Amino acid sequence: MGMETLEFIIYPDGRVKEKVTGIVGKSCEEVTRAIEEQLGVVISSQKTSDYYQQKLESENQIQNQNW
């Protein structure tokens, strides 16, 4: 696994864009939760392929066990 990074872009109007890389699965939500609570209201969220990677691996393991 590569390096875990959090990137924040703060726009002149006060909006903050947060980008998480290198964290697989739902653990990225745990990592960013406290920061987001301090920043304010989350208007939108877009999950990357890393978010779904762990879920798909778990589903594949379950399917393989059923064979």
C-alpha atoms as a PDB file:
ATOM      1  CA  MET A   1       0.000   0.000   0.000  1.00  0.00           C
ATOM      2  CA  GLY A   2       1.237   3.501  -0.790  1.00  0.00           C
ATOM      3  CA  MET A   3       1.447   6.584   1.354  1.00  0.00           C
ATOM      4  CA  GLU A   4      -1.729   7.879   2.974  1.00  0.00           C
ATOM      5  CA  THR A   5      -2.371  11.562   2.273  1.00  0.00           C
ATOM      6  CA  LEU A   6      -5.002  14.175   3.021  1.00  0.00           C
ATOM      7  CA  GLU A   7      -5.059  17.176   0.690  1.00  0.00           C
ATOM      8  CA  PHE A   8      -7.064  20.322   1.410  1.00  0.00           C
ATOM      9  CA  ILE A   9      -7.774  23.124  -1.047  1.00  0.00           C
ATOM     10  CA  ILE A  10      -9.241  26.254   0.563  1.00  0.00           C
ATOM     11  CA  TYR A  11     -11.042  28.506  -1.897  1.00  0.00           C
ATOM     12  CA  PRO A  12     -11.359  32.313  -1.506  1.00  0.00           C
ATOM     13  CA  ASP A  13     -15.082  31.965  -0.695  1.00  0.00           C
ATOM     14  CA  GLY A  14     -14.292  29.657   2.264  1.00  0.00           C
ATOM     15  CA  ARG A  15     -15.158  26.335   0.642  1.00  0.00           C
ATOM     16  CA  VAL A  16     -12.736  23.517   1.407  1.00  0.00           C
ATOM     17  CA  LYS A  17     -12.081  20.597  -0.913  1.00  0.00           C
ATOM     18  CA  GLU A  18     -10.654  17.532   0.797  1.00  0.00           C
ATOM     19  CA  LYS A  19      -9.000  14.667  -1.098  1.00  0.00           C
ATOM     20  CA  VAL A  20      -7.955  11.426   0.596  1.00  0.00           C
ATOM     21  CA  THR A  21      -5.588   9.006  -1.113  1.00  0.00           C
ATOM     22  CA  GLY A  22      -3.957   5.777  -0.029  1.00  0.00           C
ATOM     23  CA  ILE A  23      -6.676   4.784   2.453  1.00  0.00           C
ATOM     24  CA  VAL A  24      -8.768   1.791   1.411  1.00  0.00           C
ATOM     25  CA  GLY A  25     -12.374   1.227   2.431  1.00  0.00           C
ATOM     26  CA  LYS A  26     -14.529   3.083   4.903  1.00  0.00           C
ATOM     27  CA  SER A  27     -11.591   3.866   7.182  1.00  0.00           C
ATOM     28  CA  CYS A  28     -11.105   7.117   5.237  1.00  0.00           C
ATOM     29  CA  GLU A  29     -14.383   8.350   6.757  1.00  0.00           C
ATOM     30  CA  GLU A  30     -13.052   7.624  10.237  1.00  0.00           C
ATOM     31  CA  VAL A  31      -9.816   9.486   9.486  1.00  0.00           C
ATOM     32  CA  THR A  32     -11.580  12.594   8.188  1.00  0.00           C
ATOM     33  CA  ARG A  33     -14.621  12.710  10.507  1.00  0.00           C
ATOM     34  CA  ALA A  34     -13.070  14.910  13.234  1.00  0.00           C
ATOM     35  CA  ILE A  35     -11.560  17.289  10.675  1.00  0.00           C
ATOM     36  CA  GLU A  36     -14.861  17.660   8.832  1.00  0.00           C
ATOM     37  CA  GLU A  37     -16.710  18.356  12.091  1.00  0.00           C
ATOM     38  CA  GLN A  38     -14.330  21.252  12.749  1.00  0.00           C
ATOM     39  CA  LEU A  39     -14.565  22.611   9.196  1.00  0.00           C
ATOM     40  CA  GLY A  40     -18.360  22.821   9.111  1.00  0.00           C
ATOM     41  CA  VAL A  41     -21.170  21.417   6.984  1.00  0.00           C
ATOM     42  CA  VAL A  42     -20.235  18.894   4.282  1.00  0.00           C
ATOM     43  CA  ILE A  43     -22.103  19.921   1.138  1.00  0.00           C
ATOM     44  CA  SER A  44     -21.087  17.012  -1.071  1.00  0.00           C
ATOM     45  CA  SER A  45     -18.940  13.918  -0.996  1.00  0.00           C
ATOM     46  CA  GLN A  46     -17.553  11.824  -3.845  1.00  0.00           C
ATOM     47  CA  LYS A  47     -16.039   8.430  -3.077  1.00  0.00           C
ATOM     48  CA  THR A  48     -13.039   7.179  -5.053  1.00  0.00           C
ATOM     49  CA  SER A  49     -12.331   3.640  -6.214  1.00  0.00           C
ATOM     50  CA  ASP A  50     -10.177   3.152  -3.089  1.00  0.00           C
ATOM     51  CA  TYR A  51     -13.319   3.461  -0.961  1.00  0.00           C
ATOM     52  CA  TYR A  52     -14.978   0.522  -2.726  1.00  0.00           C
ATOM     53  CA  GLN A  53     -11.866  -1.654  -3.028  1.00  0.00           C
ATOM     54  CA  GLN A  54     -12.127  -3.249   0.422  1.00  0.00           C
ATOM     55  CA  LYS A  55     -15.835  -3.926   0.028  1.00  0.00           C
ATOM     56  CA  LEU A  56     -15.300  -5.720  -3.289  1.00  0.00           C
ATOM     57  CA  GLU A  57     -12.472  -7.838  -1.866  1.00  0.00           C
ATOM     58  CA  SER A  58     -14.737  -8.912   1.018  1.00  0.00           C
ATOM     59  CA  GLU A  59     -17.564  -9.822  -1.371  1.00  0.00           C
ATOM     60  CA  ASN A  60     -15.171 -11.871  -3.514  1.00  0.00           C
ATOM     61  CA  GLN A  61     -13.984 -13.783  -0.448  1.00  0.00           C
ATOM     62  CA  ILE A  62     -17.579 -14.600   0.514  1.00  0.00           C
ATOM     63  CA  GLN A  63     -18.388 -15.774  -3.011  1.00  0.00           C
ATOM     64  CA  ASN A  64     -15.270 -17.971  -3.100  1.00  0.00           C
ATOM     65  CA  GLN A  65     -16.191 -19.553   0.242  1.00  0.00           C
ATOM     66  CA  ASN A  66     -19.628 -20.490  -1.086  1.00  0.00           C
ATOM     67  CA  TRP A  67     -18.149 -22.526  -3.963  1.00  0.00           C
END
